[in-house]
Amino acid sequence: MDKDNLQIEVERIKGDIKLIQYSIKTIETNHLAHIQKSIANINKVLWTVGILIFTQLIMVVSDVLF
């Protein structure tokens, strides 16, 4: 390869790196925020179900004991 072809290849690689950096930035700023919201909603549902099950358990235990 001559000097011009190497320079063109280097510039192409620099462009690819910039595109990859842009994609990573987009994932960090946009997609991760949506994933965090989804996980927060799942946690709320799990806590609610857990509290309901615990309440039912207490009611069953109190019926058995009294």
N, C-alpha and C. Protein backbone atom coordinates (compact mmCIF):
# COMPACT_ATOMS: atom_id res chain seq x y z
N MET A 1 0.85 -1.18 0.00
CA MET A 1 0.00 0.00 0.00
C MET A 1 0.90 1.25 0.00
N ASP A 2 0.47 2.21 -0.72
CA ASP A 2 1.23 3.45 -0.73
C ASP A 2 0.72 4.39 0.36
N LYS A 3 1.36 5.52 0.46
CA LYS A 3 1.08 6.47 1.54
C LYS A 3 -0.36 7.00 1.48
N ASP A 4 -0.88 7.26 0.29
CA ASP A 4 -2.24 7.79 0.14
C ASP A 4 -3.28 6.78 0.61
N ASN A 5 -3.09 5.51 0.25
CA ASN A 5 -4.04 4.47 0.68
C ASN A 5 -4.03 4.30 2.19
N LEU A 6 -2.85 4.39 2.78
CA LEU A 6 -2.76 4.28 4.24
C LEU A 6 -3.48 5.45 4.91
N GLN A 7 -3.31 6.65 4.36
CA GLN A 7 -3.96 7.83 4.93
C GLN A 7 -5.48 7.70 4.82
N ILE A 8 -5.96 7.21 3.69
CA ILE A 8 -7.40 7.01 3.50
C ILE A 8 -7.92 5.98 4.49
N GLU A 9 -7.18 4.91 4.70
CA GLU A 9 -7.59 3.87 5.63
C GLU A 9 -7.62 4.40 7.07
N VAL A 10 -6.65 5.22 7.43
CA VAL A 10 -6.62 5.82 8.77
C VAL A 10 -7.83 6.74 8.96
N GLU A 11 -8.15 7.53 7.98
CA GLU A 11 -9.30 8.42 8.07
C GLU A 11 -10.61 7.63 8.19
N ARG A 12 -10.72 6.53 7.45
CA ARG A 12 -11.91 5.68 7.53
C ARG A 12 -12.04 5.09 8.92
N ILE A 13 -10.94 4.64 9.49
CA ILE A 13 -10.96 4.07 10.83
C ILE A 13 -11.33 5.14 11.86
N LYS A 14 -10.83 6.36 11.70
CA LYS A 14 -11.19 7.45 12.61
C LYS A 14 -12.69 7.73 12.53
N GLY A 15 -13.25 7.69 11.32
CA GLY A 15 -14.69 7.89 11.16
C GLY A 15 -15.49 6.79 11.85
N ASP A 16 -15.01 5.55 11.71
CA ASP A 16 -15.68 4.42 12.37
C ASP A 16 -15.65 4.58 13.88
N ILE A 17 -14.53 5.04 14.40
CA ILE A 17 -14.40 5.23 15.85
C ILE A 17 -15.37 6.31 16.32
N LYS A 18 -15.50 7.39 15.56
CA LYS A 18 -16.43 8.45 15.94
C LYS A 18 -17.87 7.94 15.94
N LEU A 19 -18.22 7.11 14.97
CA LEU A 19 -19.57 6.54 14.93
C LEU A 19 -19.82 5.63 16.13
N ILE A 20 -18.83 4.85 16.49
CA ILE A 20 -18.96 3.96 17.65
C ILE A 20 -19.12 4.78 18.92
N GLN A 21 -18.33 5.84 19.07
CA GLN A 21 -18.45 6.70 20.24
C GLN A 21 -19.84 7.33 20.32
N TYR A 22 -20.37 7.76 19.18
CA TYR A 22 -21.70 8.35 19.14
C TYR A 22 -22.76 7.32 19.56
N SER A 23 -22.61 6.10 19.08
CA SER A 23 -23.57 5.04 19.43
C SER A 23 -23.52 4.75 20.92
N ILE A 24 -22.35 4.68 21.48
CA ILE A 24 -22.20 4.42 22.92
C ILE A 24 -22.83 5.56 23.72
N LYS A 25 -22.61 6.78 23.31
CA LYS A 25 -23.19 7.94 24.01
C LYS A 25 -24.72 7.88 23.96
N THR A 26 -25.27 7.50 22.81
CA THR A 26 -26.72 7.39 22.67
C THR A 26 -27.27 6.31 23.59
N ILE A 27 -26.60 5.19 23.67
CA ILE A 27 -27.05 4.11 24.55
C ILE A 27 -27.00 4.57 26.00
N GLU A 28 -25.92 5.22 26.39
CA GLU A 28 -25.78 5.67 27.77
C GLU A 28 -26.86 6.67 28.16
N THR A 29 -27.14 7.62 27.29
CA THR A 29 -28.05 8.70 27.66
C THR A 29 -29.51 8.34 27.48
N ASN A 30 -29.84 7.50 26.53
CA ASN A 30 -31.24 7.26 26.22
C ASN A 30 -31.71 5.89 26.71
N HIS A 31 -31.08 4.86 26.27
CA HIS A 31 -31.57 3.52 26.54
C HIS A 31 -31.42 3.13 28.01
N LEU A 32 -30.33 3.53 28.63
CA LEU A 32 -30.14 3.16 30.03
C LEU A 32 -31.17 3.84 30.93
N ALA A 33 -31.58 5.04 30.58
CA ALA A 33 -32.61 5.72 31.39
C ALA A 33 -33.93 4.96 31.30
N HIS A 34 -34.27 4.48 30.12
CA HIS A 34 -35.51 3.71 29.97
C HIS A 34 -35.43 2.38 30.71
N ILE A 35 -34.28 1.75 30.67
CA ILE A 35 -34.11 0.48 31.38
C ILE A 35 -34.22 0.71 32.88
N GLN A 36 -33.66 1.81 33.39
CA GLN A 36 -33.76 2.12 34.81
C GLN A 36 -35.21 2.32 35.22
N LYS A 37 -36.00 2.99 34.41
CA LYS A 37 -37.41 3.20 34.72
C LYS A 37 -38.15 1.87 34.75
N SER A 38 -37.85 0.99 33.80
CA SER A 38 -38.50 -0.31 33.77
C SER A 38 -38.15 -1.14 35.00
N ILE A 39 -36.90 -1.12 35.39
CA ILE A 39 -36.48 -1.87 36.57
C ILE A 39 -37.13 -1.30 37.83
N ALA A 40 -37.26 0.01 37.90
CA ALA A 40 -37.92 0.63 39.06
C ALA A 40 -39.37 0.20 39.14
N ASN A 41 -40.06 0.13 38.00
CA ASN A 41 -41.45 -0.32 37.99
C ASN A 41 -41.55 -1.79 38.40
N ILE A 42 -40.64 -2.61 37.93
CA ILE A 42 -40.64 -4.03 38.31
C ILE A 42 -40.42 -4.16 39.81
N ASN A 43 -39.51 -3.38 40.37
CA ASN A 43 -39.26 -3.42 41.82
C ASN A 43 -40.50 -3.03 42.60
N LYS A 44 -41.23 -2.01 42.15
CA LYS A 44 -42.45 -1.60 42.84
C LYS A 44 -43.48 -2.73 42.82
N VAL A 45 -43.63 -3.38 41.68
CA VAL A 45 -44.60 -4.48 41.58
C VAL A 45 -44.19 -5.63 42.49
N LEU A 46 -42.91 -5.97 42.50
CA LEU A 46 -42.44 -7.06 43.36
C LEU A 46 -42.66 -6.75 44.84
N TRP A 47 -42.38 -5.53 45.26
CA TRP A 47 -42.62 -5.16 46.66
C TRP A 47 -44.10 -5.23 46.99
N THR A 48 -44.96 -4.79 46.08
CA THR A 48 -46.40 -4.84 46.32
C THR A 48 -46.87 -6.28 46.47
N VAL A 49 -46.43 -7.14 45.57
CA VAL A 49 -46.81 -8.55 45.64
C VAL A 49 -46.28 -9.18 46.93
N GLY A 50 -45.05 -8.85 47.29
CA GLY A 50 -44.47 -9.38 48.53
C GLY A 50 -45.25 -8.96 49.76
N ILE A 51 -45.66 -7.72 49.80
CA ILE A 51 -46.45 -7.23 50.94
C ILE A 51 -47.81 -7.92 50.99
N LEU A 52 -48.43 -8.10 49.83
CA LEU A 52 -49.73 -8.80 49.79
C LEU A 52 -49.59 -10.25 50.27
N ILE A 53 -48.56 -10.93 49.84
CA ILE A 53 -48.34 -12.32 50.27
C ILE A 53 -48.07 -12.36 51.78
N PHE A 54 -47.26 -11.44 52.28
CA PHE A 54 -46.98 -11.40 53.71
C PHE A 54 -48.24 -11.14 54.52
N THR A 55 -49.09 -10.25 54.02
CA THR A 55 -50.36 -9.96 54.69
C THR A 55 -51.25 -11.21 54.73
N GLN A 56 -51.32 -11.92 53.62
CA GLN A 56 -52.11 -13.15 53.58
C GLN A 56 -51.55 -14.19 54.55
N LEU A 57 -50.24 -14.28 54.64
CA LEU A 57 -49.61 -15.21 55.56
C LEU A 57 -49.96 -14.87 57.01
N ILE A 58 -49.92 -13.60 57.34
CA ILE A 58 -50.28 -13.17 58.69
C ILE A 58 -51.74 -13.51 58.98
N MET A 59 -52.62 -13.31 58.01
CA MET A 59 -54.03 -13.63 58.22
C MET A 59 -54.23 -15.13 58.43
N VAL A 60 -53.52 -15.96 57.68
CA VAL A 60 -53.66 -17.41 57.84
C VAL A 60 -53.13 -17.83 59.20
N VAL A 61 -52.00 -17.30 59.60
CA VAL A 61 -51.40 -17.65 60.90
C VAL A 61 -52.34 -17.21 62.03
N SER A 62 -52.92 -16.03 61.92
CA SER A 62 -53.81 -15.56 62.98
C SER A 62 -55.08 -16.40 63.04
N ASP A 63 -55.59 -16.87 61.90
CA ASP A 63 -56.76 -17.75 61.89
C ASP A 63 -56.45 -19.09 62.52
N VAL A 64 -55.25 -19.61 62.28
CA VAL A 64 -54.86 -20.90 62.84
C VAL A 64 -54.64 -20.78 64.35
N LEU A 65 -54.03 -19.72 64.80
CA LEU A 65 -53.72 -19.58 66.22
C LEU A 65 -54.93 -19.16 67.04
N PHE A 66 -55.85 -18.42 66.48
CA PHE A 66 -56.97 -17.92 67.28
C PHE A 66 -58.21 -18.54 66.77
